[in-house]
C-alpha cells in the first residue's frame, strides 16, 4: 500500500482520522479500499465503534460497518462476507493508543462500470468521496 498517496480522509470523533490510499476496482467485480486508521487524539480509540451491528458478525473489532455508496445510482454496497460470516475487511483491531496508526482494508461488490465515483462511509465518521481506479 502506497501510504504517500491520499485520496481522501474520513474524520471521526476526538481526532481519529482514516486516510484512504486506494480505491481499486478489479476485473473480478470487487472494489478494495486500503487506508490507514490514525489516532491523532490524546486518548485511546476503541475500534468497536466501526463495527456493523449485524448479529452474524463474529469478530469483536473490525470495520464491518463500512459501506460504499453510489450516489448516482442511489445504491449502498455493504462489505463482502466469507462463508463463515466474517467480513472481508480488517478484523481484530486492537485498542488504538493515542498517536498510533494501523493499516486497514475493506472489500465490496463493485458498482456498475460507468460509476467512477463513490462515497466511502464508516460509522461515527464523516463520509468521503473517492474516485475508483481500475486494476
N, C-alpha and C. Protein backbone atom coordinates (compact mmCIF):
# COMPACT_ATOMS: atom_id res chain seq x y z
N UNK A 1 0.85 -1.17 0.00
CA UNK A 1 0.00 0.00 0.00
C UNK A 1 0.90 1.24 0.00
N UNK A 2 0.61 2.14 -0.91
CA UNK A 2 1.37 3.39 -1.01
C UNK A 2 0.75 4.42 -0.07
N UNK A 3 1.31 4.56 1.13
CA UNK A 3 0.74 5.47 2.12
C UNK A 3 1.05 6.94 1.82
N UNK A 4 1.87 7.20 0.80
CA UNK A 4 2.12 8.59 0.40
C UNK A 4 0.95 9.13 -0.42
N UNK A 5 0.19 8.24 -1.06
CA UNK A 5 -0.95 8.64 -1.87
C UNK A 5 -2.15 8.85 -0.95
N UNK A 6 -2.86 9.96 -1.13
CA UNK A 6 -4.02 10.26 -0.31
C UNK A 6 -5.20 10.62 -1.21
N UNK A 7 -6.24 9.76 -1.19
CA UNK A 7 -7.45 10.03 -1.98
C UNK A 7 -8.45 10.86 -1.20
N UNK A 8 -8.43 10.74 0.11
CA UNK A 8 -9.37 11.47 0.95
C UNK A 8 -9.27 11.00 2.39
N UNK A 9 -9.96 11.73 3.27
CA UNK A 9 -9.93 11.40 4.70
C UNK A 9 -11.33 11.42 5.29
N UNK A 10 -11.57 10.48 6.17
CA UNK A 10 -12.78 10.46 6.98
C UNK A 10 -12.37 10.94 8.36
N UNK A 11 -13.12 11.87 8.90
CA UNK A 11 -12.80 12.40 10.22
C UNK A 11 -13.80 11.88 11.23
N UNK A 12 -13.26 11.33 12.31
CA UNK A 12 -14.10 10.74 13.34
C UNK A 12 -14.03 11.52 14.63
N UNK A 13 -14.56 10.93 15.68
CA UNK A 13 -14.59 11.59 16.99
C UNK A 13 -13.19 11.73 17.59
N UNK A 14 -12.98 12.81 18.29
CA UNK A 14 -11.77 13.02 19.10
C UNK A 14 -10.46 12.88 18.32
N UNK A 15 -10.40 13.39 17.10
CA UNK A 15 -9.14 13.38 16.38
C UNK A 15 -8.77 12.10 15.68
N UNK A 16 -9.69 11.17 15.53
CA UNK A 16 -9.42 9.94 14.79
C UNK A 16 -9.68 10.21 13.31
N UNK A 17 -8.72 9.83 12.47
CA UNK A 17 -8.80 10.09 11.03
C UNK A 17 -8.48 8.81 10.28
N UNK A 18 -9.26 8.52 9.23
CA UNK A 18 -8.94 7.41 8.33
C UNK A 18 -8.51 8.02 7.01
N UNK A 19 -7.24 7.79 6.64
CA UNK A 19 -6.67 8.29 5.40
C UNK A 19 -6.76 7.19 4.35
N UNK A 20 -7.51 7.45 3.26
CA UNK A 20 -7.70 6.45 2.21
C UNK A 20 -6.60 6.60 1.17
N UNK A 21 -5.93 5.48 0.89
CA UNK A 21 -4.80 5.48 -0.05
C UNK A 21 -5.16 4.90 -1.41
N UNK A 22 -6.13 3.98 -1.46
CA UNK A 22 -6.54 3.45 -2.76
C UNK A 22 -7.98 2.96 -2.71
N UNK A 23 -8.64 3.04 -3.86
CA UNK A 23 -10.00 2.54 -4.07
C UNK A 23 -9.96 1.85 -5.43
N UNK A 24 -9.62 0.57 -5.42
CA UNK A 24 -9.29 -0.15 -6.64
C UNK A 24 -10.41 -1.11 -7.06
N UNK A 25 -10.91 -0.90 -8.28
CA UNK A 25 -11.89 -1.82 -8.87
C UNK A 25 -11.10 -2.87 -9.64
N UNK A 26 -11.32 -4.16 -9.33
CA UNK A 26 -10.59 -5.20 -10.07
C UNK A 26 -11.51 -5.87 -11.09
N UNK A 27 -10.91 -6.68 -11.93
CA UNK A 27 -11.67 -7.34 -13.01
C UNK A 27 -12.65 -8.38 -12.49
N UNK A 28 -12.48 -8.83 -11.27
CA UNK A 28 -13.37 -9.83 -10.68
C UNK A 28 -14.69 -9.26 -10.19
N UNK A 29 -14.86 -7.94 -10.25
CA UNK A 29 -16.11 -7.33 -9.82
C UNK A 29 -16.12 -6.86 -8.38
N UNK A 30 -14.94 -6.57 -7.85
CA UNK A 30 -14.83 -6.10 -6.47
C UNK A 30 -14.14 -4.74 -6.41
N UNK A 31 -14.39 -4.02 -5.32
CA UNK A 31 -13.66 -2.78 -5.01
C UNK A 31 -12.98 -3.00 -3.67
N UNK A 32 -11.68 -2.74 -3.63
CA UNK A 32 -10.93 -2.85 -2.38
C UNK A 32 -10.45 -1.47 -1.96
N UNK A 33 -10.78 -1.09 -0.75
CA UNK A 33 -10.34 0.18 -0.15
C UNK A 33 -9.17 -0.14 0.77
N UNK A 34 -8.06 0.58 0.60
CA UNK A 34 -6.93 0.45 1.53
C UNK A 34 -6.71 1.82 2.17
N UNK A 35 -6.51 1.80 3.48
CA UNK A 35 -6.43 3.05 4.23
C UNK A 35 -5.58 2.87 5.48
N UNK A 36 -5.41 3.97 6.20
CA UNK A 36 -4.72 3.95 7.49
C UNK A 36 -5.61 4.62 8.52
N UNK A 37 -5.82 3.93 9.64
CA UNK A 37 -6.53 4.50 10.78
C UNK A 37 -5.49 5.21 11.63
N UNK A 38 -5.66 6.52 11.81
CA UNK A 38 -4.71 7.34 12.58
C UNK A 38 -5.42 7.89 13.82
N UNK A 39 -4.86 7.61 14.98
CA UNK A 39 -5.40 8.16 16.21
C UNK A 39 -4.57 9.39 16.58
N UNK A 40 -5.08 10.55 16.22
CA UNK A 40 -4.37 11.81 16.48
C UNK A 40 -4.85 12.46 17.77
N UNK A 41 -5.57 11.70 18.58
CA UNK A 41 -6.09 12.25 19.82
C UNK A 41 -5.14 11.99 20.97
N UNK A 42 -5.56 12.40 22.15
CA UNK A 42 -4.77 12.19 23.37
C UNK A 42 -5.23 10.97 24.16
N UNK A 43 -6.21 10.25 23.63
CA UNK A 43 -6.73 9.09 24.34
C UNK A 43 -6.86 7.89 23.38
N UNK A 44 -6.97 6.71 23.93
CA UNK A 44 -7.09 5.50 23.12
C UNK A 44 -8.42 5.49 22.37
N UNK A 45 -8.42 4.88 21.17
CA UNK A 45 -9.63 4.76 20.35
C UNK A 45 -10.03 3.29 20.28
N UNK A 46 -11.28 3.01 20.63
CA UNK A 46 -11.79 1.64 20.58
C UNK A 46 -12.46 1.44 19.22
N UNK A 47 -11.90 0.58 18.36
CA UNK A 47 -12.44 0.41 17.02
C UNK A 47 -13.79 -0.29 16.98
N UNK A 48 -14.32 -0.71 18.11
CA UNK A 48 -15.64 -1.34 18.13
C UNK A 48 -16.70 -0.37 17.58
N UNK A 49 -16.42 0.91 17.59
CA UNK A 49 -17.34 1.92 17.05
C UNK A 49 -17.53 1.77 15.54
N UNK A 50 -16.59 1.09 14.88
CA UNK A 50 -16.63 0.95 13.42
C UNK A 50 -17.29 -0.35 12.98
N UNK A 51 -17.73 -1.14 13.91
CA UNK A 51 -18.27 -2.48 13.65
C UNK A 51 -19.74 -2.39 13.23
N UNK A 52 -20.13 -3.33 12.38
CA UNK A 52 -21.53 -3.48 12.00
C UNK A 52 -22.31 -4.01 13.19
N UNK A 53 -23.59 -3.71 13.23
CA UNK A 53 -24.44 -4.21 14.31
C UNK A 53 -25.10 -5.53 13.95
N UNK A 54 -24.73 -6.12 12.82
CA UNK A 54 -25.31 -7.40 12.40
C UNK A 54 -24.94 -8.49 13.40
N UNK A 55 -25.91 -9.31 13.76
CA UNK A 55 -25.69 -10.35 14.75
C UNK A 55 -24.79 -11.48 14.24
N UNK A 56 -24.68 -11.64 12.93
CA UNK A 56 -23.92 -12.76 12.37
C UNK A 56 -22.41 -12.50 12.34
N UNK A 57 -21.99 -11.30 12.68
CA UNK A 57 -20.57 -10.96 12.63
C UNK A 57 -19.87 -11.59 13.82
N UNK A 58 -18.74 -12.24 13.58
CA UNK A 58 -18.04 -12.95 14.64
C UNK A 58 -16.93 -12.13 15.29
N UNK A 59 -16.27 -11.28 14.54
CA UNK A 59 -15.16 -10.51 15.09
C UNK A 59 -15.70 -9.42 16.02
N UNK A 60 -14.99 -9.19 17.08
CA UNK A 60 -15.40 -8.16 18.04
C UNK A 60 -14.89 -6.77 17.67
N UNK A 61 -13.85 -6.70 16.85
CA UNK A 61 -13.29 -5.39 16.49
C UNK A 61 -12.85 -5.42 15.03
N UNK A 62 -13.64 -4.80 14.20
CA UNK A 62 -13.34 -4.75 12.78
C UNK A 62 -13.98 -3.49 12.20
N UNK A 63 -13.89 -3.34 10.89
CA UNK A 63 -14.51 -2.18 10.25
C UNK A 63 -15.70 -2.63 9.40
N UNK A 64 -16.43 -3.66 9.88
CA UNK A 64 -17.53 -4.24 9.13
C UNK A 64 -18.70 -3.30 8.91
N UNK A 65 -18.73 -2.17 9.58
CA UNK A 65 -19.79 -1.19 9.37
C UNK A 65 -19.56 -0.29 8.17
N UNK A 66 -18.44 -0.47 7.49
CA UNK A 66 -18.12 0.36 6.32
C UNK A 66 -19.08 0.07 5.17
N UNK A 67 -19.39 1.11 4.39
CA UNK A 67 -20.20 0.95 3.20
C UNK A 67 -19.65 1.82 2.07
N UNK A 68 -19.97 1.43 0.84
CA UNK A 68 -19.71 2.25 -0.34
C UNK A 68 -21.06 2.71 -0.86
N UNK A 69 -21.16 3.95 -1.27
CA UNK A 69 -22.43 4.46 -1.77
C UNK A 69 -22.22 5.00 -3.19
N UNK A 70 -23.04 4.49 -4.10
CA UNK A 70 -23.11 5.01 -5.47
C UNK A 70 -24.21 6.07 -5.43
N UNK A 71 -23.83 7.33 -5.29
CA UNK A 71 -24.82 8.39 -5.15
C UNK A 71 -25.58 8.62 -6.46
N UNK A 72 -24.95 8.35 -7.59
CA UNK A 72 -25.59 8.50 -8.89
C UNK A 72 -26.70 7.45 -9.04
N UNK A 73 -26.39 6.19 -8.75
CA UNK A 73 -27.36 5.11 -8.87
C UNK A 73 -28.21 4.89 -7.64
N UNK A 74 -27.92 5.67 -6.58
CA UNK A 74 -28.65 5.58 -5.32
C UNK A 74 -28.65 4.17 -4.74
N UNK A 75 -27.44 3.58 -4.67
CA UNK A 75 -27.28 2.24 -4.10
C UNK A 75 -26.17 2.24 -3.07
N UNK A 76 -26.39 1.44 -2.02
CA UNK A 76 -25.39 1.27 -0.95
C UNK A 76 -24.85 -0.16 -1.05
N UNK A 77 -23.52 -0.27 -0.99
CA UNK A 77 -22.86 -1.57 -1.05
C UNK A 77 -22.25 -1.88 0.31
N UNK A 78 -22.64 -3.04 0.85
CA UNK A 78 -22.13 -3.48 2.15
C UNK A 78 -20.84 -4.28 1.94
N UNK A 79 -20.03 -4.39 2.96
CA UNK A 79 -18.79 -5.17 2.91
C UNK A 79 -19.13 -6.63 2.59
N UNK A 80 -18.28 -7.24 1.78
CA UNK A 80 -18.45 -8.65 1.44
C UNK A 80 -18.17 -9.52 2.66
N UNK A 81 -18.75 -10.72 2.68
CA UNK A 81 -18.57 -11.68 3.76
C UNK A 81 -18.06 -13.00 3.19
N UNK A 82 -17.29 -13.73 3.99
CA UNK A 82 -16.89 -15.08 3.58
C UNK A 82 -17.98 -16.06 4.01
N UNK A 83 -17.77 -17.34 3.74
CA UNK A 83 -18.80 -18.34 4.04
C UNK A 83 -19.02 -18.55 5.54
N UNK A 84 -18.10 -18.06 6.37
CA UNK A 84 -18.27 -18.15 7.82
C UNK A 84 -18.90 -16.89 8.42
N UNK A 85 -19.24 -15.92 7.57
CA UNK A 85 -19.86 -14.69 8.05
C UNK A 85 -18.86 -13.61 8.43
N UNK A 86 -17.58 -13.86 8.26
CA UNK A 86 -16.56 -12.84 8.56
C UNK A 86 -16.52 -11.81 7.44
N UNK A 87 -16.33 -10.57 7.78
CA UNK A 87 -16.22 -9.54 6.76
C UNK A 87 -14.89 -9.67 6.03
N UNK A 88 -14.89 -9.30 4.77
CA UNK A 88 -13.63 -9.22 4.01
C UNK A 88 -13.08 -7.82 4.26
N UNK A 89 -12.56 -7.69 5.45
CA UNK A 89 -12.05 -6.40 5.93
C UNK A 89 -11.06 -6.67 7.06
N UNK A 90 -10.42 -5.63 7.51
CA UNK A 90 -9.51 -5.75 8.65
C UNK A 90 -10.32 -6.17 9.87
N UNK A 91 -9.84 -7.21 10.55
CA UNK A 91 -10.53 -7.70 11.75
C UNK A 91 -9.55 -7.72 12.93
N UNK A 92 -10.12 -7.91 14.10
CA UNK A 92 -9.34 -7.99 15.34
C UNK A 92 -8.40 -6.80 15.52
N UNK A 93 -8.95 -5.62 15.33
CA UNK A 93 -8.17 -4.40 15.51
C UNK A 93 -8.07 -4.12 17.01
N UNK A 94 -6.87 -4.05 17.54
CA UNK A 94 -6.74 -3.77 18.98
C UNK A 94 -7.04 -2.30 19.28
N UNK A 95 -7.20 -2.03 20.56
CA UNK A 95 -7.35 -0.65 21.01
C UNK A 95 -6.20 0.16 20.42
N UNK A 96 -6.52 1.28 19.80
CA UNK A 96 -5.50 2.09 19.14
C UNK A 96 -5.11 3.24 20.06
N UNK A 97 -3.89 3.17 20.56
CA UNK A 97 -3.40 4.17 21.51
C UNK A 97 -3.24 5.53 20.84
N UNK A 98 -3.23 6.57 21.66
CA UNK A 98 -3.01 7.92 21.15
C UNK A 98 -1.71 7.98 20.36
N UNK A 99 -1.78 8.55 19.17
CA UNK A 99 -0.59 8.68 18.32
C UNK A 99 -0.30 7.48 17.44
N UNK A 100 -0.99 6.36 17.64
CA UNK A 100 -0.76 5.16 16.83
C UNK A 100 -1.55 5.20 15.53
N UNK A 101 -1.12 4.37 14.59
CA UNK A 101 -1.86 4.20 13.34
C UNK A 101 -1.85 2.72 12.96
N UNK A 102 -2.84 2.32 12.16
CA UNK A 102 -2.97 0.93 11.73
C UNK A 102 -3.46 0.88 10.29
N UNK A 103 -2.89 -0.01 9.48
CA UNK A 103 -3.42 -0.19 8.12
C UNK A 103 -4.76 -0.94 8.20
N UNK A 104 -5.70 -0.55 7.35
CA UNK A 104 -6.99 -1.22 7.28
C UNK A 104 -7.39 -1.40 5.82
N UNK A 105 -8.28 -2.37 5.58
CA UNK A 105 -8.80 -2.57 4.24
C UNK A 105 -10.24 -3.06 4.33
N UNK A 106 -10.98 -2.91 3.24
CA UNK A 106 -12.34 -3.43 3.14
C UNK A 106 -12.62 -3.74 1.69
N UNK A 107 -13.38 -4.83 1.44
CA UNK A 107 -13.70 -5.21 0.07
C UNK A 107 -15.22 -5.24 -0.11
N UNK A 108 -15.66 -4.69 -1.24
CA UNK A 108 -17.08 -4.53 -1.55
C UNK A 108 -17.38 -5.08 -2.94
N UNK A 109 -18.67 -5.38 -3.22
CA UNK A 109 -19.03 -5.64 -4.60
C UNK A 109 -18.86 -4.33 -5.38
N UNK A 110 -18.42 -4.43 -6.62
CA UNK A 110 -18.19 -3.22 -7.42
C UNK A 110 -19.50 -2.70 -7.99
N UNK A 111 -19.67 -1.38 -8.00
CA UNK A 111 -20.82 -0.81 -8.70
C UNK A 111 -20.63 -0.98 -10.21
N UNK A 112 -21.65 -0.67 -11.02
CA UNK A 112 -21.51 -0.79 -12.48
C UNK A 112 -20.30 -0.02 -13.01
N UNK A 113 -19.76 -0.49 -14.13
CA UNK A 113 -18.54 0.08 -14.72
C UNK A 113 -18.61 1.58 -14.94
N UNK A 114 -19.81 2.10 -15.29
CA UNK A 114 -19.94 3.53 -15.57
C UNK A 114 -19.82 4.41 -14.32
N UNK A 115 -19.90 3.79 -13.14
CA UNK A 115 -19.77 4.53 -11.88
C UNK A 115 -18.28 4.72 -11.60
N UNK A 116 -17.84 5.96 -11.60
CA UNK A 116 -16.42 6.28 -11.39
C UNK A 116 -16.14 6.84 -10.01
N UNK A 117 -17.19 7.38 -9.36
CA UNK A 117 -17.02 7.98 -8.04
C UNK A 117 -18.01 7.37 -7.06
N UNK A 118 -17.53 7.13 -5.84
CA UNK A 118 -18.36 6.58 -4.77
C UNK A 118 -18.10 7.36 -3.49
N UNK A 119 -18.94 7.13 -2.53
CA UNK A 119 -18.73 7.68 -1.20
C UNK A 119 -18.37 6.52 -0.29
N UNK A 120 -17.32 6.67 0.51
CA UNK A 120 -16.90 5.66 1.48
C UNK A 120 -17.35 6.15 2.84
N UNK A 121 -18.03 5.26 3.59
CA UNK A 121 -18.57 5.64 4.88
C UNK A 121 -18.17 4.64 5.96
N UNK A 122 -17.88 5.16 7.13
CA UNK A 122 -17.62 4.37 8.33
C UNK A 122 -18.47 4.94 9.46
N UNK A 123 -19.04 4.09 10.32
CA UNK A 123 -19.84 4.60 11.43
C UNK A 123 -19.05 5.61 12.28
N UNK A 124 -19.73 6.63 12.72
CA UNK A 124 -19.22 7.72 13.57
C UNK A 124 -18.29 8.67 12.84
N UNK A 125 -18.06 8.49 11.52
CA UNK A 125 -17.13 9.35 10.78
C UNK A 125 -17.83 10.04 9.63
N UNK A 126 -17.27 11.18 9.23
CA UNK A 126 -17.79 11.88 8.06
C UNK A 126 -17.46 11.07 6.81
N UNK A 127 -18.38 11.00 5.84
CA UNK A 127 -18.09 10.25 4.60
C UNK A 127 -17.08 10.99 3.74
N UNK A 128 -16.48 10.26 2.80
CA UNK A 128 -15.52 10.88 1.88
C UNK A 128 -15.81 10.37 0.46
N UNK A 129 -15.75 11.28 -0.49
CA UNK A 129 -15.92 10.92 -1.89
C UNK A 129 -14.61 10.40 -2.45
N UNK A 130 -14.68 9.30 -3.21
CA UNK A 130 -13.48 8.68 -3.77
C UNK A 130 -13.68 8.40 -5.25
N UNK A 131 -12.62 8.56 -6.01
CA UNK A 131 -12.63 8.18 -7.41
C UNK A 131 -12.04 6.77 -7.51
N UNK A 132 -12.76 5.86 -8.16
CA UNK A 132 -12.29 4.48 -8.30
C UNK A 132 -11.23 4.40 -9.37
N UNK A 133 -10.18 3.64 -9.09
CA UNK A 133 -9.17 3.35 -10.11
C UNK A 133 -9.39 1.93 -10.59
N UNK A 134 -8.97 1.66 -11.81
CA UNK A 134 -9.13 0.34 -12.41
C UNK A 134 -7.88 -0.47 -12.22
N UNK A 135 -8.04 -1.75 -11.90
CA UNK A 135 -6.86 -2.57 -11.67
C UNK A 135 -6.83 -3.84 -12.45
